[in-house]
Structure formats: structure tokens, C-alpha cells
C-alpha atoms as a PDB file:
ATOM      1  CA  MET A   1       9.065  -3.195 -11.485  1.00  0.00           C
ATOM      2  CA  ARG A   2       8.806  -0.814  -8.576  1.00  0.00           C
ATOM      3  CA  THR A   3       6.959  -2.368  -5.636  1.00  0.00           C
ATOM      4  CA  ILE A   4       5.261  -0.267  -3.012  1.00  0.00           C
ATOM      5  CA  ALA A   5       3.557  -1.511   0.123  1.00  0.00           C
ATOM      6  CA  ILE A   6       0.679   0.486   1.580  1.00  0.00           C
ATOM      7  CA  ALA A   7       0.889  -0.265   5.292  1.00  0.00           C
ATOM      8  CA  ASN A   8      -0.265   0.838   8.750  1.00  0.00           C
ATOM      9  CA  GLN A   9      -0.648  -1.416  11.694  1.00  0.00           C
ATOM     10  CA  LYS A  10      -3.709   0.589  12.614  1.00  0.00           C
ATOM     11  CA  GLY A  11      -6.990  -0.089  10.836  1.00  0.00           C
ATOM     12  CA  GLY A  12      -9.454   2.536   9.636  1.00  0.00           C
ATOM     13  CA  CYS A  13      -6.820   4.713   8.176  1.00  0.00           C
ATOM     14  CA  GLY A  14      -7.843   4.556   4.545  1.00  0.00           C
ATOM     15  CA  LYS A  15      -5.189   1.981   3.566  1.00  0.00           C
ATOM     16  CA  THR A  16      -7.320   0.004   1.154  1.00  0.00           C
ATOM     17  CA  THR A  17      -8.953   3.040  -0.289  1.00  0.00           C
ATOM     18  CA  THR A  18      -5.535   4.515  -0.929  1.00  0.00           C
ATOM     19  CA  THR A  19      -4.253   1.261  -2.522  1.00  0.00           C
ATOM     20  CA  VAL A  20      -7.172   0.861  -4.925  1.00  0.00           C
ATOM     21  CA  ASN A  21      -7.285   4.467  -6.068  1.00  0.00           C
ATOM     22  CA  LEU A  22      -3.543   4.904  -6.311  1.00  0.00           C
ATOM     23  CA  ALA A  23      -3.326   1.806  -8.431  1.00  0.00           C
ATOM     24  CA  ALA A  24      -6.008   3.198 -10.708  1.00  0.00           C
ATOM     25  CA  ALA A  25      -4.106   6.483 -10.937  1.00  0.00           C
ATOM     26  CA  PHE A  26      -0.922   4.759 -12.050  1.00  0.00           C
ATOM     27  CA  ALA A  27      -2.873   2.628 -14.580  1.00  0.00           C
ATOM     28  CA  GLU A  28      -4.515   5.835 -15.902  1.00  0.00           C
ATOM     29  CA  ARG A  29      -1.024   7.110 -16.688  1.00  0.00           C
ATOM     30  CA  GLN A  30      -0.403   3.926 -18.704  1.00  0.00           C
ATOM     31  CA  TYR A  31       1.809   2.182 -16.125  1.00  0.00           C
ATOM     32  CA  ARG A  32       1.266  -1.531 -16.163  1.00  0.00           C
ATOM     33  CA  THR A  33       0.033  -1.965 -12.664  1.00  0.00           C
ATOM     34  CA  LEU A  34      -0.561  -4.928 -10.348  1.00  0.00           C
ATOM     35  CA  LEU A  35      -2.426  -4.657  -7.032  1.00  0.00           C
ATOM     36  CA  ILE A  36      -1.851  -7.448  -4.543  1.00  0.00           C
ATOM     37  CA  ASP A  37      -4.585  -7.769  -1.956  1.00  0.00           C
ATOM     38  CA  LEU A  38      -2.672  -9.226   1.075  1.00  0.00           C
ATOM     39  CA  ASP A  39      -5.489  -8.588   3.526  1.00  0.00           C
ATOM     40  CA  PRO A  40      -7.716 -11.649   4.314  1.00  0.00           C
ATOM     41  CA  GLN A  41     -10.669  -9.296   4.519  1.00  0.00           C
ATOM     42  CA  GLY A  42     -10.426  -8.870   0.698  1.00  0.00           C
ATOM     43  CA  HIS A  43     -11.436  -5.197   0.783  1.00  0.00           C
ATOM     44  CA  SER A  44      -9.272  -4.287  -2.250  1.00  0.00           C
ATOM     45  CA  THR A  45     -10.837  -7.235  -4.075  1.00  0.00           C
ATOM     46  CA  ILE A  46     -14.268  -5.988  -3.220  1.00  0.00           C
ATOM     47  CA  GLY A  47     -13.242  -2.517  -4.321  1.00  0.00           C
ATOM     48  CA  PHE A  48     -13.043  -3.791  -7.935  1.00  0.00           C
ATOM     49  CA  GLY A  49     -16.412  -5.445  -7.836  1.00  0.00           C
ATOM     50  CA  TYR A  50     -15.415  -8.966  -7.045  1.00  0.00           C
ATOM     51  CA  GLU A  51     -17.031 -11.206  -4.391  1.00  0.00           C
ATOM     52  CA  PRO A  52     -14.035 -12.811  -2.595  1.00  0.00           C
ATOM     53  CA  ASP A  53     -15.883 -15.962  -1.549  1.00  0.00           C
ATOM     54  CA  LYS A  54     -16.708 -16.767  -5.147  1.00  0.00           C
ATOM     55  CA  LEU A  55     -13.180 -16.731  -6.404  1.00  0.00           C
ATOM     56  CA  ASP A  56     -11.554 -20.100  -7.330  1.00  0.00           C
ATOM     57  CA  THR A  57      -7.948 -19.041  -6.778  1.00  0.00           C
ATOM     58  CA  THR A  58      -6.407 -16.146  -4.877  1.00  0.00           C
ATOM     59  CA  ILE A  59      -3.047 -14.832  -3.669  1.00  0.00           C
ATOM     60  CA  TYR A  60      -3.337 -17.527  -0.932  1.00  0.00           C
ATOM     61  CA  ASP A  61      -2.774 -20.164  -3.568  1.00  0.00           C
ATOM     62  CA  ALA A  62       0.324 -18.432  -4.885  1.00  0.00           C
ATOM     63  CA  LEU A  63       1.799 -18.123  -1.389  1.00  0.00           C
ATOM     64  CA  VAL A  64       1.279 -21.675  -0.113  1.00  0.00           C
ATOM     65  CA  ASN A  65       1.800 -23.629  -3.343  1.00  0.00           C
ATOM     66  CA  ALA A  66       5.353 -23.658  -4.599  1.00  0.00           C
ATOM     67  CA  GLN A  67       4.208 -24.465  -8.215  1.00  0.00           C
ATOM     68  CA  THR A  68       1.556 -21.720  -8.399  1.00  0.00           C
ATOM     69  CA  GLY A  69       2.757 -18.362  -9.729  1.00  0.00           C
ATOM     70  CA  ILE A  70       1.134 -15.037  -9.227  1.00  0.00           C
ATOM     71  CA  ASP A  71       0.436 -14.668 -12.878  1.00  0.00           C
ATOM     72  CA  SER A  72      -1.786 -17.723 -12.757  1.00  0.00           C
ATOM     73  CA  ILE A  73      -4.076 -16.222 -10.109  1.00  0.00           C
ATOM     74  CA  THR A  74      -4.327 -12.606 -11.265  1.00  0.00           C
ATOM     75  CA  ILE A  75      -7.512 -11.272 -12.729  1.00  0.00           C
ATOM     76  CA  GLY A  76      -8.352  -8.162 -14.820  1.00  0.00           C
ATOM     77  CA  THR A  77     -10.251  -5.178 -13.558  1.00  0.00           C
ATOM     78  CA  LYS A  78     -12.421  -2.534 -15.077  1.00  0.00           C
ATOM     79  CA  VAL A  79      -9.400  -0.311 -15.299  1.00  0.00           C
ATOM     80  CA  GLU A  80      -7.216  -0.791 -18.324  1.00  0.00           C
ATOM     81  CA  SER A  81      -3.630  -1.748 -17.580  1.00  0.00           C
ATOM     82  CA  LEU A  82      -4.513  -2.751 -13.955  1.00  0.00           C
ATOM     83  CA  ASP A  83      -4.538  -6.323 -12.794  1.00  0.00           C
ATOM     84  CA  LEU A  84      -5.466  -7.708  -9.351  1.00  0.00           C
ATOM     85  CA  ALA A  85      -4.116 -10.585  -7.299  1.00  0.00           C
ATOM     86  CA  PRO A  86      -7.273 -11.085  -5.188  1.00  0.00           C
ATOM     87  CA  SER A  87      -7.780 -12.300  -1.648  1.00  0.00           C
ATOM     88  CA  ASN A  88     -10.390 -13.829   0.578  1.00  0.00           C
ATOM     89  CA  ILE A  89     -10.692 -15.229   4.051  1.00  0.00           C
ATOM     90  CA  LEU A  90      -8.629 -18.309   3.193  1.00  0.00           C
ATOM     91  CA  LEU A  91      -5.558 -16.080   3.309  1.00  0.00           C
ATOM     92  CA  SER A  92      -5.856 -15.919   7.041  1.00  0.00           C
ATOM     93  CA  GLY A  93      -4.562 -19.521   7.162  1.00  0.00           C
ATOM     94  CA  ALA A  94      -1.440 -18.728   5.182  1.00  0.00           C
ATOM     95  CA  GLU A  95       0.627 -17.852   8.231  1.00  0.00           C
ATOM     96  CA  LEU A  96       0.027 -21.298   9.694  1.00  0.00           C
ATOM     97  CA  ASP A  97       0.582 -23.009   6.323  1.00  0.00           C
ATOM     98  CA  LEU A  98       3.940 -21.251   5.941  1.00  0.00           C
ATOM     99  CA  SER A  99       5.058 -21.664   9.464  1.00  0.00           C
ATOM    100  CA  GLY A 100       7.401 -24.486   8.689  1.00  0.00           C
ATOM    101  CA  VAL A 101       8.673 -23.165   5.380  1.00  0.00           C
ATOM    102  CA  ALA A 102      12.267 -21.956   5.230  1.00  0.00           C
ATOM    103  CA  GLY A 103      12.452 -18.357   4.106  1.00  0.00           C
ATOM    104  CA  ARG A 104       8.740 -17.918   4.704  1.00  0.00           C
ATOM    105  CA  GLU A 105       9.183 -14.147   5.042  1.00  0.00           C
ATOM    106  CA  PHE A 106      10.419 -13.970   1.505  1.00  0.00           C
ATOM    107  CA  VAL A 107       7.795 -16.047  -0.325  1.00  0.00           C
ATOM    108  CA  LEU A 108       6.042 -13.068  -1.893  1.00  0.00           C
ATOM    109  CA  ASN A 109       9.307 -11.465  -2.854  1.00  0.00           C
ATOM    110  CA  GLU A 110      10.387 -14.606  -4.671  1.00  0.00           C
ATOM    111  CA  LYS A 111       7.094 -15.020  -6.508  1.00  0.00           C
ATOM    112  CA  LEU A 112       7.133 -11.401  -7.680  1.00  0.00           C
ATOM    113  CA  GLY A 113      10.605 -11.899  -9.080  1.00  0.00           C
ATOM    114  CA  HIS A 114       9.159 -14.177 -11.703  1.00  0.00           C
ATOM    115  CA  ILE A 115       6.783 -11.443 -13.121  1.00  0.00           C
ATOM    116  CA  ALA A 116       8.930  -8.392 -12.583  1.00  0.00           C
ATOM    117  CA  ASP A 117       9.141  -7.711 -16.332  1.00  0.00           C
ATOM    118  CA  LYS A 118       5.361  -7.899 -16.787  1.00  0.00           C
ATOM    119  CA  TYR A 119       4.469  -4.803 -14.726  1.00  0.00           C
ATOM    120  CA  ASP A 120       5.820  -1.309 -14.157  1.00  0.00           C
ATOM    121  CA  VAL A 121       4.355  -0.861 -10.770  1.00  0.00           C
ATOM    122  CA  CYS A 122       3.082  -3.266  -7.983  1.00  0.00           C
ATOM    123  CA  LEU A 123       1.094  -2.020  -5.055  1.00  0.00           C
ATOM    124  CA  ILE A 124       0.558  -4.243  -1.991  1.00  0.00           C
ATOM    125  CA  ASP A 125      -2.412  -3.731   0.360  1.00  0.00           C
ATOM    126  CA  CYS A 126      -1.023  -5.027   3.634  1.00  0.00           C
ATOM    127  CA  PRO A 127      -3.187  -6.289   6.524  1.00  0.00           C
ATOM    128  CA  PRO A 128      -3.511  -3.993   9.595  1.00  0.00           C
ATOM    129  CA  SER A 129      -1.280  -6.027  11.834  1.00  0.00           C
ATOM    130  CA  LEU A 130       2.350  -7.064  12.047  1.00  0.00           C
ATOM    131  CA  GLY A 131       2.390 -10.741  11.099  1.00  0.00           C
ATOM    132  CA  LEU A 132       3.870 -12.929   8.454  1.00  0.00           C
ATOM    133  CA  LEU A 133       1.643 -11.494   5.733  1.00  0.00           C
ATOM    134  CA  THR A 134       2.645  -7.927   6.437  1.00  0.00           C
ATOM    135  CA  LEU A 135       6.324  -8.958   6.668  1.00  0.00           C
ATOM    136  CA  ASN A 136       6.015 -10.595   3.280  1.00  0.00           C
ATOM    137  CA  GLY A 137       4.499  -7.482   1.798  1.00  0.00           C
ATOM    138  CA  LEU A 138       7.165  -5.197   3.256  1.00  0.00           C
ATOM    139  CA  LEU A 139      10.088  -7.476   2.364  1.00  0.00           C
ATOM    140  CA  ALA A 140       8.839  -7.620  -1.240  1.00  0.00           C
ATOM    141  CA  SER A 141       8.809  -3.774  -1.406  1.00  0.00           C
ATOM    142  CA  THR A 142      11.394  -1.127  -1.643  1.00  0.00           C
ATOM    143  CA  GLY A 143       9.106   1.709  -0.581  1.00  0.00           C
ATOM    144  CA  VAL A 144       6.239   2.053   1.881  1.00  0.00           C
ATOM    145  CA  VAL A 145       3.372   4.637   1.900  1.00  0.00           C
ATOM    146  CA  VAL A 146       1.898   5.042   5.327  1.00  0.00           C
ATOM    147  CA  PRO A 147      -1.713   6.308   5.375  1.00  0.00           C
ATOM    148  CA  VAL A 148      -2.695   8.098   8.617  1.00  0.00           C
ATOM    149  CA  GLN A 149      -6.154   9.388   9.402  1.00  0.00           C
ATOM    150  CA  VAL A 150      -6.056  13.054  10.323  1.00  0.00           C
ATOM    151  CA  HIS A 151      -7.244  12.323  13.885  1.00  0.00           C
ATOM    152  CA  TYR A 152      -5.383  12.670  17.170  1.00  0.00           C
ATOM    153  CA  TYR A 153      -5.456   9.063  18.178  1.00  0.00           C
ATOM    154  CA  ALA A 154      -4.557   7.797  14.687  1.00  0.00           C
ATOM    155  CA  THR A 155      -1.256   9.659  14.855  1.00  0.00           C
ATOM    156  CA  GLN A 156      -0.182   7.542  17.890  1.00  0.00           C
ATOM    157  CA  GLY A 157       0.340   4.461  15.583  1.00  0.00           C
ATOM    158  CA  LEU A 158       2.964   6.139  13.502  1.00  0.00           C
ATOM    159  CA  LYS A 159       5.780   5.142  15.755  1.00  0.00           C
ATOM    160  CA  GLN A 160       4.914   1.477  15.336  1.00  0.00           C
ATOM    161  CA  ILE A 161       5.269   1.482  11.555  1.00  0.00           C
ATOM    162  CA  PHE A 162       8.639   3.307  11.790  1.00  0.00           C
ATOM    163  CA  GLU A 163       9.835   0.796  14.372  1.00  0.00           C
ATOM    164  CA  THR A 164       8.649  -2.031  12.091  1.00  0.00           C
ATOM    165  CA  ALA A 165      10.510  -0.614   9.130  1.00  0.00           C
ATOM    166  CA  ASN A 166      13.672  -0.306  11.217  1.00  0.00           C
ATOM    167  CA  MET A 167      13.302  -3.825  12.491  1.00  0.00           C
ATOM    168  CA  ILE A 168      13.020  -5.134   8.964  1.00  0.00           C
ATOM    169  CA  LYS A 169      16.090  -3.297   7.828  1.00  0.00           C
ATOM    170  CA  ASP A 170      18.075  -4.434  10.849  1.00  0.00           C
ATOM    171  CA  ARG A 171      17.039  -8.114  10.619  1.00  0.00           C
ATOM    172  CA  PHE A 172      16.474  -8.787   6.940  1.00  0.00           C
ATOM    173  CA  CYS A 173      17.433  -6.151   4.393  1.00  0.00           C
ATOM    174  CA  PRO A 174      19.591  -3.190   5.490  1.00  0.00           C
ATOM    175  CA  CYS A 175      19.027  -0.026   3.536  1.00  0.00           C
ATOM    176  CA  SER A 176      16.657  -1.603   1.007  1.00  0.00           C
ATOM    177  CA  LEU A 177      13.297  -0.395   2.505  1.00  0.00           C
ATOM    178  CA  THR A 178      12.334   3.185   2.862  1.00  0.00           C
ATOM    179  CA  ILE A 179       9.206   5.046   3.915  1.00  0.00           C
ATOM    180  CA  LEU A 180       8.292   7.034   0.823  1.00  0.00           C
ATOM    181  CA  GLY A 181       5.950   9.258   2.837  1.00  0.00           C
ATOM    182  CA  VAL A 182       3.195   9.549   5.335  1.00  0.00           C
ATOM    183  CA  LEU A 183      -0.129  10.241   3.644  1.00  0.00           C
ATOM    184  CA  LEU A 184      -2.727  12.208   5.533  1.00  0.00           C
ATOM    185  CA  THR A 185      -6.221  10.699   4.838  1.00  0.00           C
ATOM    186  CA  ILE A 186      -9.857  11.072   5.782  1.00  0.00           C
ATOM    187  CA  ALA A 187      -9.179  14.797   6.308  1.00  0.00           C
ATOM    188  CA  GLU A 188     -12.055  17.114   7.157  1.00  0.00           C
ATOM    189  CA  SER A 189     -10.489  20.289   5.721  1.00  0.00           C
ATOM    190  CA  ASN A 190     -13.221  22.554   6.975  1.00  0.00           C
ATOM    191  CA  THR A 191     -12.548  21.868  10.631  1.00  0.00           C
ATOM    192  CA  LEU A 192     -10.042  23.696  12.728  1.00  0.00           C
ATOM    193  CA  LEU A 193      -8.939  20.491  14.555  1.00  0.00           C
ATOM    194  CA  SER A 194      -8.168  18.768  11.307  1.00  0.00           C
ATOM    195  CA  LYS A 195      -5.992  21.695  10.101  1.00  0.00           C
ATOM    196  CA  GLN A 196      -4.220  21.744  13.502  1.00  0.00           C
ATOM    197  CA  ILE A 197      -3.402  17.996  13.432  1.00  0.00           C
ATOM    198  CA  GLN A 198      -2.095  18.331   9.852  1.00  0.00           C
ATOM    199  CA  GLN A 199       0.181  21.167  10.793  1.00  0.00           C
ATOM    200  CA  GLN A 200       1.443  19.327  13.914  1.00  0.00           C
ATOM    201  CA  MET A 201       2.387  16.336  11.800  1.00  0.00           C
ATOM    202  CA  ARG A 202       4.159  18.497   9.241  1.00  0.00           C
ATOM    203  CA  ASP A 203       6.014  20.322  11.985  1.00  0.00           C
ATOM    204  CA  VAL A 204       7.316  17.036  13.349  1.00  0.00           C
ATOM    205  CA  LEU A 205       7.892  15.011  10.170  1.00  0.00           C
ATOM    206  CA  HIS A 206       8.497  17.850   7.675  1.00  0.00           C
ATOM    207  CA  GLU A 207       9.092  16.439   4.131  1.00  0.00           C
ATOM    208  CA  MET A 208       8.161  12.861   5.254  1.00  0.00           C
ATOM    209  CA  VAL A 209       4.493  13.981   4.893  1.00  0.00           C
ATOM    210  CA  PHE A 210       3.121  14.019   1.361  1.00  0.00           C
ATOM    211  CA  GLU A 211       1.997  17.318   0.123  1.00  0.00           C
ATOM    212  CA  THR A 212      -1.170  15.627  -1.114  1.00  0.00           C
ATOM    213  CA  VAL A 213      -3.970  15.140   1.420  1.00  0.00           C
ATOM    214  CA  ILE A 214      -6.850  12.803   0.851  1.00  0.00           C
ATOM    215  CA  SER A 215     -10.151  14.392   1.922  1.00  0.00           C
ATOM    216  CA  LYS A 216     -13.126  12.787   3.452  1.00  0.00           C
ATOM    217  CA  THR A 217     -15.834  12.907   0.769  1.00  0.00           C
ATOM    218  CA  VAL A 218     -19.058  11.255   0.005  1.00  0.00           C
ATOM    219  CA  LYS A 219     -18.064  10.150  -3.489  1.00  0.00           C
ATOM    220  CA  LEU A 220     -14.903   8.408  -2.139  1.00  0.00           C
ATOM    221  CA  ALA A 221     -17.034   6.488   0.330  1.00  0.00           C
ATOM    222  CA  GLU A 222     -19.570   5.506  -2.283  1.00  0.00           C
ATOM    223  CA  ALA A 223     -17.162   4.165  -4.908  1.00  0.00           C
ATOM    224  CA  PRO A 224     -16.446   0.705  -3.363  1.00  0.00           C
ATOM    225  CA  SER A 225     -20.196  -0.042  -3.202  1.00  0.00           C
ATOM    226  CA  VAL A 226     -20.263  -0.081  -6.979  1.00  0.00           C
ATOM    227  CA  GLY A 227     -16.872  -1.879  -7.329  1.00  0.00           C
ATOM    228  CA  GLU A 228     -15.073   1.022  -8.916  1.00  0.00           C
ATOM    229  CA  PRO A 229     -12.140   3.161  -8.010  1.00  0.00           C
ATOM    230  CA  ILE A 230     -12.938   6.838  -7.638  1.00  0.00           C
ATOM    231  CA  LEU A 231     -11.175   7.703 -10.903  1.00  0.00           C
ATOM    232  CA  MET A 232     -13.865   5.683 -12.656  1.00  0.00           C
ATOM    233  CA  TYR A 233     -16.824   6.328 -10.405  1.00  0.00           C
ATOM    234  CA  ALA A 234     -16.357  10.060 -10.257  1.00  0.00           C
ATOM    235  CA  PRO A 235     -13.427  10.999 -12.479  1.00  0.00           C
ATOM    236  CA  ALA A 236     -13.959  14.775 -12.146  1.00  0.00           C
ATOM    237  CA  SER A 237     -14.274  14.699  -8.339  1.00  0.00           C
ATOM    238  CA  LYS A 238     -11.993  16.253  -5.787  1.00  0.00           C
ATOM    239  CA  ALA A 239     -11.072  12.749  -4.490  1.00  0.00           C
ATOM    240  CA  ALA A 240     -10.039  11.614  -7.959  1.00  0.00           C
ATOM    241  CA  ALA A 241      -7.843  14.720  -8.372  1.00  0.00           C
ATOM    242  CA  GLU A 242      -6.216  14.005  -5.013  1.00  0.00           C
ATOM    243  CA  HIS A 243      -5.232  10.445  -5.938  1.00  0.00           C
ATOM    244  CA  ARG A 244      -3.924  11.573  -9.277  1.00  0.00           C
ATOM    245  CA  ALA A 245      -1.834  14.158  -7.439  1.00  0.00           C
ATOM    246  CA  LEU A 246      -0.493  11.467  -5.053  1.00  0.00           C
ATOM    247  CA  ALA A 247       0.536   9.290  -7.968  1.00  0.00           C
ATOM    248  CA  GLU A 248       2.345  12.227  -9.548  1.00  0.00           C
ATOM    249  CA  GLU A 249       4.113  13.025  -6.233  1.00  0.00           C
ATOM    250  CA  ILE A 250       5.377   9.408  -5.926  1.00  0.00           C
ATOM    251  CA  ILE A 251       6.480   9.330  -9.549  1.00  0.00           C
ATOM    252  CA  LYS A 252       8.620  12.404  -8.921  1.00  0.00           C
ATOM    253  CA  ASN A 253      10.431  10.398  -6.205  1.00  0.00           C
ATOM    254  CA  TRP A 254      10.993   7.259  -8.346  1.00  0.00           C
ATOM    255  CA  ALA A 255      14.746   7.938  -7.703  1.00  0.00           C
ATOM    256  CA  LEU A 256      14.290   6.655  -4.192  1.00  0.00           C
ATOM    257  CA  LEU A 257      13.297   3.250  -5.484  1.00  0.00           C
ATOM    258  CA  ASP A 258      15.983   3.153  -8.108  1.00  0.00           C
ATOM    259  CA  ASP A 259      19.042   4.795  -6.486  1.00  0.00           C
ATOM    260  CA  GLY A 260      20.461   2.964  -3.473  1.00  0.00           C
ATOM    261  CA  LYS A 261      22.534   5.930  -2.389  1.00  0.00           C
ATOM    262  CA  ALA A 262      19.553   8.325  -2.506  1.00  0.00           C
ATOM    263  CA  MET A 263      17.458   5.845  -0.559  1.00  0.00           C
ATOM    264  CA  ALA A 264      20.175   5.436   2.102  1.00  0.00           C
ATOM    265  CA  GLU A 265      20.316   9.239   2.517  1.00  0.00           C
ATOM    266  CA  LYS A 266      16.563   9.493   2.935  1.00  0.00           C
ATOM    267  CA  ILE A 267      16.419   6.658   5.456  1.00  0.00           C
ATOM    268  CA  LYS A 268      19.136   8.381   7.532  1.00  0.00           C
ATOM    269  CA  LYS A 269      17.294  11.723   7.425  1.00  0.00           C
ATOM    270  CA  ASP A 270      13.937  10.076   8.279  1.00  0.00           C
ATOM    271  CA  GLU A 271      15.423   8.272  11.230  1.00  0.00           C
ATOM    272  CA  ALA A 272      16.770  11.496  12.598  1.00  0.00           C
ATOM    273  CA  LEU A 273      13.344  13.192  12.317  1.00  0.00           C
ATOM    274  CA  VAL A 274      11.527  10.252  14.074  1.00  0.00           C
ATOM    275  CA  GLY A 275      14.091  10.061  16.740  1.00  0.00           C
ATOM    276  CA  ARG A 276      13.239  13.617  17.889  1.00  0.00           C
END
């Protein structure tokens, strides 16, 4: 199972939208996919039509109860081949509950190890902060996708996520976590400013930026209100095509998740770029 965290310490960057629709794109290609909603706001859960407060069990139960496996709390979605480990506000108490647990940063990683043969891909929607939940999400992953809104101020948070990835590698798992790419989101392609910001980011980060750009569209904004990913709500839309393209782009880079040497080389190259 390849596990990818979708993370950015800044909110409002399209993180949950990316996670939900990328998961649907993988499932559409017949990859057995699991989405873990690790955000207490439960937005990924809502994105599939569930009401978080009405759920009996969530990812919280799997994290704080040693005997509860992730497979026992997952629920199906409207998308074939896509399961969801849901979340609700109770998850906000997990950091306190786990504070005295040895190896608390690796609880999710350990739990996922028990179901690794059940899925081909696992996507983790991390909360927009650097706390124990985000650490669990990142330490359970081998790759990170960083959504960044095409907006001047949004680009300022990029340094934080790179520093976080480096801290994790230095303290916990050297050379086992790489940033798969920076994803430009909520892009207004018809404005000059948006085009300038996109170009500036590509000039600085080069191949670290995905070729795929997620546009700001009405359909994409509407989809969560009906509890469907865009690939279901508007399968022929521009937004659906963009998320399919993103999945394809990531699939072409599977080697980074499978080949330790290739991953180490990418990490070294990325660090050199960010250090400029």
C-alpha cells in the first residue's frame, strides 16, 4: 500500500478538496483506495455525504484504543473501491489521550500496517496545524502532496511544510519521507496575477510543482454540498479532468514511493531548491 499525506499547515488551500477528489480519481482507476480523515473538522467525511456527529465510531477510536483496528471503523462511500476512515470533533481530544503513550507519533503507522494488504493507496487528509495528528499522518506516509492556493500570501506557508518534512526526517525517519510535489490550487486562470504567481513558483521550485493545476470552479465548490466528489457530481467537468490528471501524474512517480534510492535523490534535489 502506498500512503500519501495531503498536508499544509495553512488552512484554506484546498487540502480537503484535493484529498477527496484525488481519492475518487484513484478509485476510478480501480485502485483499492482508503481515505483517512485526520482532521477533527471532518470535512472529508462531510464530502462523502456523512454527518460526522452521527457516526458511532471514527478514526479517533482506532487511534486511542489499542484493540480497535482501522478496518473496524471504515465505512463505504458512493465511489466503488473507495473506503473512508471518518472523523468528527472527538478527534480533537486524541492528542491529549495519546500524550502519555509511548511511540504516540507512530500509532497511525502501526495501525495501517495491519491493513496494508487490503488497499493499494491510502490518502491522509491532515489537519492544518503541526500537532500530534499531523505528525501521525506524515510518519505513516512515504510521500506528501502540498496544496498551495495560487495567492501571494498563501505561498508564504511553503517554507513551513518543507521545514516540517526536514524535521521529521532528522528526528524520526531519515530518507523515508519525500514531498511528491506542490499542487497549485484555487487558481483563477483568467487573471494576470494568478498566472504571475504560478510562474514565480515554477521559477523557484521547478519540477517540484505539479504540472496539473486545480482551477477555481463553481462545480468544484458545489460538489461537497451534495456529498459527492467532483468525479461523481460533474464527471465531464474541467475540475474532474484536472483531478484525473493529478492522479495520473502521481502514478507516473510511483517509483519515488517504491525505490529508496530514487527517493533519496529527489529529497537531496528538493532540499537544494528550497535552500536557494
